[in-house]
Amino acid sequence: MTMTEYEELMNDKRLFYRLPKRLFEDPAFGEMSIDAKMLYMILLDRRCLSEINGSDW
């Protein structure tokens, strides 16, 4: 893999999910299951993609 290919791979924001640290640090979310946190992460990602794409899809 060349450096350019690596840079393109790392700059592709679709490779990573965003997960707010608050879900792990705030005691209010202490009883929330890991599965629920993962579902939140996936839904957040879909919402952000929908905002980026607008009505294109």
N, C-alpha and C. Protein backbone atom coordinates (compact mmCIF):
# COMPACT_ATOMS: atom_id res chain seq x y z
N MET A 1 0.86 -1.18 0.00
CA MET A 1 0.00 0.00 0.00
C MET A 1 0.90 1.23 0.00
N THR A 2 0.62 2.11 -0.94
CA THR A 2 1.41 3.35 -1.01
C THR A 2 0.91 4.35 0.02
N MET A 3 1.70 5.39 0.26
CA MET A 3 1.31 6.41 1.23
C MET A 3 0.04 7.12 0.78
N THR A 4 -0.12 7.36 -0.50
CA THR A 4 -1.31 8.02 -1.02
C THR A 4 -2.55 7.16 -0.77
N GLU A 5 -2.44 5.87 -1.02
CA GLU A 5 -3.56 4.97 -0.77
C GLU A 5 -3.92 4.94 0.71
N TYR A 6 -2.89 4.94 1.56
CA TYR A 6 -3.12 4.95 3.00
C TYR A 6 -3.81 6.24 3.43
N GLU A 7 -3.35 7.36 2.92
CA GLU A 7 -3.96 8.65 3.27
C GLU A 7 -5.41 8.71 2.83
N GLU A 8 -5.70 8.21 1.64
CA GLU A 8 -7.09 8.18 1.16
C GLU A 8 -7.95 7.30 2.06
N LEU A 9 -7.41 6.17 2.47
CA LEU A 9 -8.13 5.27 3.34
C LEU A 9 -8.44 5.93 4.68
N MET A 10 -7.46 6.60 5.26
CA MET A 10 -7.65 7.24 6.56
C MET A 10 -8.55 8.48 6.48
N ASN A 11 -8.63 9.11 5.34
CA ASN A 11 -9.47 10.29 5.18
C ASN A 11 -10.92 9.95 4.84
N ASP A 12 -11.18 8.68 4.58
CA ASP A 12 -12.54 8.25 4.28
C ASP A 12 -13.32 8.13 5.58
N LYS A 13 -14.20 9.08 5.86
CA LYS A 13 -14.92 9.13 7.13
C LYS A 13 -15.95 8.03 7.25
N ARG A 14 -16.25 7.34 6.17
CA ARG A 14 -17.24 6.27 6.23
C ARG A 14 -16.69 5.01 6.89
N LEU A 15 -15.39 4.97 7.14
CA LEU A 15 -14.79 3.78 7.74
C LEU A 15 -14.98 3.69 9.24
N PHE A 16 -15.39 4.79 9.85
CA PHE A 16 -15.46 4.83 11.30
C PHE A 16 -16.84 5.29 11.75
N TYR A 17 -17.27 4.76 12.88
CA TYR A 17 -18.50 5.21 13.51
C TYR A 17 -18.14 6.19 14.62
N ARG A 18 -19.03 7.14 14.86
CA ARG A 18 -18.83 8.05 15.97
C ARG A 18 -19.64 7.54 17.16
N LEU A 19 -19.00 7.50 18.31
CA LEU A 19 -19.68 7.07 19.52
C LEU A 19 -19.34 8.07 20.62
N PRO A 20 -20.33 8.80 21.09
CA PRO A 20 -20.08 9.79 22.13
C PRO A 20 -19.54 9.15 23.42
N LYS A 21 -18.46 9.71 23.94
CA LYS A 21 -17.88 9.21 25.19
C LYS A 21 -18.87 9.30 26.34
N ARG A 22 -19.78 10.24 26.24
CA ARG A 22 -20.76 10.44 27.30
C ARG A 22 -21.54 9.16 27.60
N LEU A 23 -21.76 8.34 26.58
CA LEU A 23 -22.50 7.09 26.79
C LEU A 23 -21.77 6.15 27.74
N PHE A 24 -20.46 6.33 27.89
CA PHE A 24 -19.67 5.48 28.78
C PHE A 24 -19.30 6.18 30.08
N GLU A 25 -19.22 7.50 30.05
CA GLU A 25 -18.75 8.25 31.21
C GLU A 25 -19.87 8.77 32.11
N ASP A 26 -21.04 9.04 31.55
CA ASP A 26 -22.14 9.61 32.31
C ASP A 26 -22.89 8.49 33.04
N PRO A 27 -23.03 8.59 34.37
CA PRO A 27 -23.74 7.55 35.12
C PRO A 27 -25.18 7.35 34.67
N ALA A 28 -25.77 8.34 34.04
CA ALA A 28 -27.16 8.22 33.57
C ALA A 28 -27.30 7.12 32.52
N PHE A 29 -26.21 6.79 31.83
CA PHE A 29 -26.25 5.76 30.80
C PHE A 29 -25.61 4.45 31.28
N GLY A 30 -25.37 4.33 32.58
CA GLY A 30 -24.69 3.17 33.13
C GLY A 30 -25.42 1.86 32.91
N GLU A 31 -26.73 1.90 32.91
CA GLU A 31 -27.50 0.67 32.73
C GLU A 31 -27.78 0.35 31.27
N MET A 32 -27.40 1.23 30.38
CA MET A 32 -27.61 1.02 28.95
C MET A 32 -26.68 -0.09 28.46
N SER A 33 -27.22 -1.06 27.75
CA SER A 33 -26.41 -2.19 27.29
C SER A 33 -25.45 -1.76 26.17
N ILE A 34 -24.42 -2.55 25.99
CA ILE A 34 -23.47 -2.30 24.90
C ILE A 34 -24.19 -2.38 23.55
N ASP A 35 -25.13 -3.31 23.43
CA ASP A 35 -25.90 -3.43 22.18
C ASP A 35 -26.67 -2.15 21.89
N ALA A 36 -27.27 -1.57 22.91
CA ALA A 36 -28.02 -0.33 22.73
C ALA A 36 -27.09 0.81 22.33
N LYS A 37 -25.90 0.83 22.91
CA LYS A 37 -24.92 1.87 22.55
C LYS A 37 -24.46 1.71 21.11
N MET A 38 -24.29 0.46 20.68
CA MET A 38 -23.89 0.21 19.29
C MET A 38 -25.01 0.60 18.33
N LEU A 39 -26.23 0.30 18.69
CA LEU A 39 -27.37 0.68 17.86
C LEU A 39 -27.44 2.20 17.73
N TYR A 40 -27.24 2.91 18.84
CA TYR A 40 -27.21 4.37 18.81
C TYR A 40 -26.14 4.86 17.85
N MET A 41 -24.96 4.25 17.90
CA MET A 41 -23.85 4.64 17.04
C MET A 41 -24.22 4.45 15.56
N ILE A 42 -24.85 3.36 15.22
CA ILE A 42 -25.24 3.09 13.83
C ILE A 42 -26.32 4.07 13.38
N LEU A 43 -27.31 4.31 14.23
CA LEU A 43 -28.37 5.26 13.87
C LEU A 43 -27.84 6.68 13.73
N LEU A 44 -26.90 7.06 14.58
CA LEU A 44 -26.28 8.38 14.47
C LEU A 44 -25.54 8.51 13.14
N ASP A 45 -24.84 7.45 12.76
CA ASP A 45 -24.12 7.44 11.49
C ASP A 45 -25.09 7.60 10.31
N ARG A 46 -26.20 6.87 10.35
CA ARG A 46 -27.19 6.96 9.27
C ARG A 46 -27.78 8.37 9.18
N ARG A 47 -28.05 8.97 10.35
CA ARG A 47 -28.61 10.32 10.37
C ARG A 47 -27.63 11.31 9.75
N CYS A 48 -26.37 11.19 10.10
CA CYS A 48 -25.35 12.10 9.56
C CYS A 48 -25.20 11.91 8.05
N LEU A 49 -25.26 10.67 7.59
CA LEU A 49 -25.18 10.43 6.15
C LEU A 49 -26.39 11.01 5.43
N SER A 50 -27.55 10.91 6.05
CA SER A 50 -28.75 11.47 5.44
C SER A 50 -28.65 12.99 5.32
N GLU A 51 -28.07 13.63 6.33
CA GLU A 51 -27.91 15.09 6.27
C GLU A 51 -26.92 15.48 5.18
N ILE A 52 -25.86 14.69 5.01
CA ILE A 52 -24.86 14.99 4.00
C ILE A 52 -25.43 14.82 2.60
N ASN A 53 -26.19 13.73 2.40
CA ASN A 53 -26.72 13.41 1.07
C ASN A 53 -27.99 14.18 0.72
N GLY A 54 -28.65 14.71 1.73
CA GLY A 54 -29.87 15.46 1.47
C GLY A 54 -30.92 14.59 0.82
N SER A 55 -31.50 15.08 -0.25
CA SER A 55 -32.55 14.33 -0.94
C SER A 55 -32.01 13.48 -2.10
N ASP A 56 -30.69 13.32 -2.16
CA ASP A 56 -30.07 12.56 -3.27
C ASP A 56 -30.39 11.07 -3.23
N TRP A 57 -30.73 10.55 -2.09
CA TRP A 57 -30.97 9.11 -2.04
C TRP A 57 -32.43 8.87 -1.91
